[in-house]
Amino acid sequence: MYQFSYADIQTDSVADAKDRERQLLTRSIDMLAAAAAVGTDSMEAVEALHFTNRIWTTFVEDLGSSDNALPKELRANLISIGLWLLRETEDIRQGRTNNFEGLIEVSQIIRDGLQ
């Protein structure tokens, strides 16, 4: 019979959560790249912006929670980045910009920083 300590289970849970976050960011990046290829007025753009908005809204809400274990300064920096991403997705949606590349680049940096 296997017995796991709480610390082992908690470490696995954190690793699993980071893996899910990386997967979500990768999916968002792939969708944004496809949208950039066909343009801001495409269904791909609508879907990519909606998906990106949903995951970053969730990330920002989680980062703002007092239950989040990340250091306060890091959480604040990530919230700032998340708010920029949310504003940028809205600007693309509204036709004020077509900066898919900025969204992709920042998302890749955040994804690659998840360890």
N, C-alpha and C. Protein backbone atom coordinates (compact mmCIF):
# COMPACT_ATOMS: atom_id res chain seq x y z
N MET A 1 0.84 -1.18 0.00
CA MET A 1 0.00 0.00 0.00
C MET A 1 0.88 1.24 0.00
N TYR A 2 0.50 2.22 -0.79
CA TYR A 2 1.26 3.46 -0.88
C TYR A 2 0.69 4.48 0.09
N GLN A 3 1.59 5.21 0.70
CA GLN A 3 1.17 6.30 1.56
C GLN A 3 1.89 7.56 1.10
N PHE A 4 1.15 8.62 0.97
CA PHE A 4 1.72 9.88 0.54
C PHE A 4 1.56 10.89 1.67
N SER A 5 2.57 11.71 1.82
CA SER A 5 2.45 12.78 2.80
C SER A 5 1.63 13.92 2.20
N TYR A 6 1.09 14.73 3.06
CA TYR A 6 0.32 15.90 2.60
C TYR A 6 1.19 16.79 1.73
N ALA A 7 2.48 16.95 2.12
CA ALA A 7 3.39 17.80 1.34
C ALA A 7 3.58 17.25 -0.07
N ASP A 8 3.67 15.92 -0.21
CA ASP A 8 3.81 15.32 -1.54
C ASP A 8 2.57 15.58 -2.39
N ILE A 9 1.43 15.41 -1.80
CA ILE A 9 0.17 15.63 -2.52
C ILE A 9 0.03 17.10 -2.90
N GLN A 10 0.36 18.00 -1.97
CA GLN A 10 0.26 19.43 -2.25
C GLN A 10 1.22 19.82 -3.35
N THR A 11 2.45 19.29 -3.35
CA THR A 11 3.42 19.58 -4.40
C THR A 11 2.90 19.10 -5.74
N ASP A 12 2.34 17.90 -5.79
CA ASP A 12 1.77 17.40 -7.02
C ASP A 12 0.63 18.29 -7.49
N SER A 13 -0.20 18.76 -6.58
CA SER A 13 -1.32 19.62 -6.95
C SER A 13 -0.84 20.93 -7.55
N VAL A 14 0.21 21.51 -6.98
CA VAL A 14 0.77 22.75 -7.52
C VAL A 14 1.35 22.49 -8.91
N ALA A 15 2.08 21.39 -9.05
CA ALA A 15 2.65 21.04 -10.36
C ALA A 15 1.55 20.81 -11.39
N ASP A 16 0.49 20.13 -10.99
CA ASP A 16 -0.64 19.89 -11.89
C ASP A 16 -1.30 21.21 -12.29
N ALA A 17 -1.47 22.11 -11.34
CA ALA A 17 -2.09 23.41 -11.63
C ALA A 17 -1.23 24.20 -12.60
N LYS A 18 0.07 24.22 -12.40
CA LYS A 18 0.96 24.94 -13.31
C LYS A 18 0.93 24.33 -14.70
N ASP A 19 0.85 23.00 -14.76
CA ASP A 19 0.76 22.34 -16.06
C ASP A 19 -0.53 22.73 -16.78
N ARG A 20 -1.63 22.78 -16.05
CA ARG A 20 -2.92 23.19 -16.65
C ARG A 20 -2.83 24.64 -17.13
N GLU A 21 -2.20 25.51 -16.33
CA GLU A 21 -2.05 26.90 -16.73
C GLU A 21 -1.20 27.00 -18.00
N ARG A 22 -0.11 26.23 -18.08
CA ARG A 22 0.72 26.22 -19.29
C ARG A 22 -0.09 25.76 -20.49
N GLN A 23 -0.90 24.71 -20.30
CA GLN A 23 -1.73 24.21 -21.40
C GLN A 23 -2.73 25.26 -21.87
N LEU A 24 -3.35 25.95 -20.93
CA LEU A 24 -4.30 27.00 -21.29
C LEU A 24 -3.63 28.13 -22.05
N LEU A 25 -2.47 28.54 -21.57
CA LEU A 25 -1.74 29.62 -22.25
C LEU A 25 -1.29 29.19 -23.63
N THR A 26 -0.84 27.95 -23.77
CA THR A 26 -0.45 27.43 -25.08
C THR A 26 -1.64 27.43 -26.03
N ARG A 27 -2.78 27.00 -25.55
CA ARG A 27 -3.99 27.00 -26.40
C ARG A 27 -4.34 28.43 -26.81
N SER A 28 -4.28 29.36 -25.87
CA SER A 28 -4.56 30.76 -26.17
C SER A 28 -3.58 31.30 -27.22
N ILE A 29 -2.30 31.00 -27.05
CA ILE A 29 -1.27 31.45 -27.99
C ILE A 29 -1.54 30.89 -29.38
N ASP A 30 -1.85 29.61 -29.47
CA ASP A 30 -2.14 28.98 -30.75
C ASP A 30 -3.37 29.63 -31.41
N MET A 31 -4.39 29.88 -30.62
CA MET A 31 -5.61 30.50 -31.16
C MET A 31 -5.33 31.93 -31.63
N LEU A 32 -4.54 32.68 -30.85
CA LEU A 32 -4.20 34.05 -31.24
C LEU A 32 -3.36 34.07 -32.52
N ALA A 33 -2.45 33.12 -32.66
CA ALA A 33 -1.64 33.04 -33.87
C ALA A 33 -2.51 32.74 -35.09
N ALA A 34 -3.45 31.84 -34.93
CA ALA A 34 -4.36 31.52 -36.04
C ALA A 34 -5.21 32.74 -36.38
N ALA A 35 -5.65 33.47 -35.37
CA ALA A 35 -6.47 34.67 -35.60
C ALA A 35 -5.65 35.75 -36.30
N ALA A 36 -4.40 35.91 -35.90
CA ALA A 36 -3.54 36.92 -36.53
C ALA A 36 -3.36 36.62 -38.02
N ALA A 37 -3.32 35.34 -38.36
CA ALA A 37 -3.12 34.93 -39.75
C ALA A 37 -4.31 35.25 -40.64
N VAL A 38 -5.52 35.25 -40.06
CA VAL A 38 -6.71 35.47 -40.89
C VAL A 38 -7.38 36.82 -40.67
N GLY A 39 -6.99 37.54 -39.62
CA GLY A 39 -7.49 38.90 -39.43
C GLY A 39 -8.47 39.08 -38.28
N THR A 40 -8.62 40.34 -37.90
CA THR A 40 -9.41 40.70 -36.72
C THR A 40 -10.91 40.50 -36.90
N ASP A 41 -11.38 40.45 -38.14
CA ASP A 41 -12.82 40.30 -38.38
C ASP A 41 -13.25 38.85 -38.54
N SER A 42 -12.35 37.92 -38.25
CA SER A 42 -12.65 36.50 -38.47
C SER A 42 -13.27 35.85 -37.24
N MET A 43 -13.88 34.71 -37.46
CA MET A 43 -14.42 33.92 -36.35
C MET A 43 -13.27 33.43 -35.46
N GLU A 44 -12.11 33.15 -36.07
CA GLU A 44 -10.94 32.74 -35.29
C GLU A 44 -10.55 33.82 -34.29
N ALA A 45 -10.62 35.08 -34.71
CA ALA A 45 -10.28 36.19 -33.82
C ALA A 45 -11.28 36.29 -32.68
N VAL A 46 -12.55 36.17 -32.99
CA VAL A 46 -13.59 36.24 -31.96
C VAL A 46 -13.35 35.15 -30.92
N GLU A 47 -13.12 33.93 -31.38
CA GLU A 47 -12.92 32.80 -30.47
C GLU A 47 -11.63 32.96 -29.66
N ALA A 48 -10.55 33.39 -30.31
CA ALA A 48 -9.26 33.55 -29.62
C ALA A 48 -9.35 34.65 -28.56
N LEU A 49 -9.97 35.75 -28.89
CA LEU A 49 -10.09 36.85 -27.94
C LEU A 49 -10.98 36.47 -26.77
N HIS A 50 -12.06 35.77 -27.06
CA HIS A 50 -12.95 35.34 -25.98
C HIS A 50 -12.24 34.36 -25.04
N PHE A 51 -11.54 33.38 -25.62
CA PHE A 51 -10.82 32.40 -24.81
C PHE A 51 -9.75 33.08 -23.97
N THR A 52 -8.96 33.96 -24.59
CA THR A 52 -7.90 34.67 -23.88
C THR A 52 -8.49 35.53 -22.76
N ASN A 53 -9.58 36.18 -23.05
CA ASN A 53 -10.24 37.00 -22.03
C ASN A 53 -10.70 36.15 -20.85
N ARG A 54 -11.28 35.01 -21.13
CA ARG A 54 -11.77 34.13 -20.05
C ARG A 54 -10.64 33.63 -19.16
N ILE A 55 -9.53 33.18 -19.76
CA ILE A 55 -8.47 32.64 -18.92
C ILE A 55 -7.78 33.74 -18.12
N TRP A 56 -7.59 34.92 -18.72
CA TRP A 56 -6.92 35.99 -17.98
C TRP A 56 -7.84 36.60 -16.92
N THR A 57 -9.12 36.61 -17.15
CA THR A 57 -10.05 37.05 -16.10
C THR A 57 -9.95 36.10 -14.90
N THR A 58 -9.90 34.80 -15.18
CA THR A 58 -9.76 33.81 -14.11
C THR A 58 -8.42 33.96 -13.40
N PHE A 59 -7.34 34.14 -14.16
CA PHE A 59 -6.02 34.31 -13.55
C PHE A 59 -6.00 35.54 -12.65
N VAL A 60 -6.53 36.66 -13.13
CA VAL A 60 -6.51 37.90 -12.35
C VAL A 60 -7.33 37.73 -11.07
N GLU A 61 -8.48 37.10 -11.17
CA GLU A 61 -9.30 36.85 -9.98
C GLU A 61 -8.54 35.99 -8.98
N ASP A 62 -7.88 34.93 -9.46
CA ASP A 62 -7.12 34.07 -8.57
C ASP A 62 -5.94 34.81 -7.95
N LEU A 63 -5.24 35.60 -8.74
CA LEU A 63 -4.11 36.35 -8.23
C LEU A 63 -4.53 37.38 -7.18
N GLY A 64 -5.74 37.88 -7.27
CA GLY A 64 -6.25 38.85 -6.31
C GLY A 64 -6.76 38.23 -5.03
N SER A 65 -6.85 36.92 -5.00
CA SER A 65 -7.38 36.22 -3.83
C SER A 65 -6.33 36.18 -2.72
N SER A 66 -6.77 36.37 -1.51
CA SER A 66 -5.86 36.28 -0.36
C SER A 66 -5.37 34.85 -0.16
N ASP A 67 -6.02 33.88 -0.77
CA ASP A 67 -5.60 32.48 -0.66
C ASP A 67 -4.44 32.14 -1.60
N ASN A 68 -4.13 33.04 -2.54
CA ASN A 68 -3.06 32.78 -3.48
C ASN A 68 -1.72 32.85 -2.74
N ALA A 69 -0.90 31.80 -2.93
CA ALA A 69 0.35 31.67 -2.17
C ALA A 69 1.55 32.38 -2.80
N LEU A 70 1.39 32.96 -3.97
CA LEU A 70 2.51 33.67 -4.59
C LEU A 70 2.86 34.91 -3.77
N PRO A 71 4.12 35.34 -3.83
CA PRO A 71 4.49 36.58 -3.14
C PRO A 71 3.66 37.76 -3.65
N LYS A 72 3.35 38.66 -2.74
CA LYS A 72 2.45 39.77 -3.04
C LYS A 72 2.92 40.62 -4.23
N GLU A 73 4.22 40.91 -4.30
CA GLU A 73 4.74 41.72 -5.38
C GLU A 73 4.59 41.03 -6.74
N LEU A 74 4.87 39.73 -6.77
CA LEU A 74 4.71 38.97 -8.00
C LEU A 74 3.25 38.95 -8.43
N ARG A 75 2.36 38.73 -7.47
CA ARG A 75 0.92 38.74 -7.78
C ARG A 75 0.52 40.08 -8.37
N ALA A 76 0.99 41.18 -7.77
CA ALA A 76 0.65 42.51 -8.27
C ALA A 76 1.16 42.72 -9.70
N ASN A 77 2.38 42.27 -9.97
CA ASN A 77 2.94 42.40 -11.32
C ASN A 77 2.14 41.58 -12.33
N LEU A 78 1.77 40.36 -11.95
CA LEU A 78 0.99 39.51 -12.85
C LEU A 78 -0.41 40.07 -13.07
N ILE A 79 -0.99 40.66 -12.04
CA ILE A 79 -2.30 41.30 -12.21
C ILE A 79 -2.19 42.45 -13.20
N SER A 80 -1.14 43.25 -13.09
CA SER A 80 -0.94 44.36 -14.03
C SER A 80 -0.81 43.86 -15.46
N ILE A 81 -0.05 42.79 -15.64
CA ILE A 81 0.11 42.19 -16.97
C ILE A 81 -1.24 41.67 -17.46
N GLY A 82 -1.97 40.99 -16.58
CA GLY A 82 -3.28 40.46 -16.95
C GLY A 82 -4.26 41.55 -17.36
N LEU A 83 -4.25 42.66 -16.62
CA LEU A 83 -5.14 43.77 -16.97
C LEU A 83 -4.77 44.37 -18.32
N TRP A 84 -3.46 44.45 -18.60
CA TRP A 84 -3.04 44.93 -19.92
C TRP A 84 -3.55 43.99 -21.01
N LEU A 85 -3.38 42.68 -20.79
CA LEU A 85 -3.86 41.71 -21.78
C LEU A 85 -5.36 41.83 -22.00
N LEU A 86 -6.11 42.02 -20.93
CA LEU A 86 -7.56 42.18 -21.05
C LEU A 86 -7.92 43.45 -21.82
N ARG A 87 -7.21 44.55 -21.55
CA ARG A 87 -7.46 45.79 -22.30
C ARG A 87 -7.11 45.62 -23.77
N GLU A 88 -5.99 44.93 -24.02
CA GLU A 88 -5.56 44.74 -25.40
C GLU A 88 -6.54 43.86 -26.18
N THR A 89 -7.07 42.81 -25.54
CA THR A 89 -8.06 41.98 -26.24
C THR A 89 -9.29 42.81 -26.58
N GLU A 90 -9.70 43.68 -25.66
CA GLU A 90 -10.86 44.54 -25.93
C GLU A 90 -10.56 45.53 -27.05
N ASP A 91 -9.35 46.08 -27.06
CA ASP A 91 -8.98 47.02 -28.13
C ASP A 91 -8.98 46.32 -29.49
N ILE A 92 -8.52 45.10 -29.55
CA ILE A 92 -8.57 44.35 -30.81
C ILE A 92 -10.02 44.09 -31.20
N ARG A 93 -10.81 43.68 -30.24
CA ARG A 93 -12.22 43.40 -30.50
C ARG A 93 -12.95 44.63 -31.02
N GLN A 94 -12.60 45.79 -30.48
CA GLN A 94 -13.24 47.04 -30.88
C GLN A 94 -12.64 47.64 -32.15
N GLY A 95 -11.61 47.02 -32.71
CA GLY A 95 -10.99 47.50 -33.93
C GLY A 95 -10.02 48.65 -33.73
N ARG A 96 -9.60 48.91 -32.50
CA ARG A 96 -8.67 50.01 -32.23
C ARG A 96 -7.22 49.61 -32.47
N THR A 97 -6.95 48.32 -32.54
CA THR A 97 -5.61 47.80 -32.80
C THR A 97 -5.74 46.39 -33.36
N ASN A 98 -4.63 45.88 -33.85
CA ASN A 98 -4.59 44.48 -34.28
C ASN A 98 -3.34 43.81 -33.71
N ASN A 99 -3.02 44.14 -32.46
CA ASN A 99 -1.78 43.73 -31.80
C ASN A 99 -1.82 42.29 -31.27
N PHE A 100 -2.12 41.37 -32.14
CA PHE A 100 -2.08 39.96 -31.74
C PHE A 100 -0.67 39.57 -31.32
N GLU A 101 0.34 40.12 -32.01
CA GLU A 101 1.72 39.76 -31.72
C GLU A 101 2.10 40.10 -30.28
N GLY A 102 1.64 41.25 -29.78
CA GLY A 102 1.92 41.63 -28.40
C GLY A 102 1.29 40.67 -27.41
N LEU A 103 0.03 40.30 -27.68
CA LEU A 103 -0.65 39.33 -26.82
C LEU A 103 0.07 37.99 -26.81
N ILE A 104 0.49 37.57 -27.99
CA ILE A 104 1.19 36.29 -28.13
C ILE A 104 2.52 36.33 -27.38
N GLU A 105 3.29 37.38 -27.60
CA GLU A 105 4.61 37.47 -26.98
C GLU A 105 4.53 37.49 -25.45
N VAL A 106 3.64 38.31 -24.91
CA VAL A 106 3.50 38.39 -23.45
C VAL A 106 3.00 37.07 -22.90
N SER A 107 2.06 36.45 -23.58
CA SER A 107 1.55 35.15 -23.12
C SER A 107 2.63 34.09 -23.13
N GLN A 108 3.48 34.12 -24.15
CA GLN A 108 4.58 33.15 -24.22
C GLN A 108 5.56 33.36 -23.06
N ILE A 109 5.85 34.61 -22.74
CA ILE A 109 6.76 34.90 -21.63
C ILE A 109 6.19 34.38 -20.32
N ILE A 110 4.91 34.63 -20.10
CA ILE A 110 4.27 34.16 -18.87
C ILE A 110 4.25 32.63 -18.84
N ARG A 111 3.85 32.02 -19.94
CA ARG A 111 3.81 30.55 -20.02
C ARG A 111 5.19 29.95 -19.75
N ASP A 112 6.20 30.50 -20.39
CA ASP A 112 7.55 29.95 -20.24
C ASP A 112 8.10 30.18 -18.83
N GLY A 113 7.56 31.14 -18.13
CA GLY A 113 7.99 31.40 -16.76
C GLY A 113 7.36 30.47 -15.73
N LEU A 114 6.33 29.74 -16.12
CA LEU A 114 5.70 28.78 -15.20
C LEU A 114 6.58 27.54 -15.09
N GLN A 115 7.08 27.30 -13.89
CA GLN A 115 7.97 26.15 -13.72
C GLN A 115 7.46 25.27 -12.62
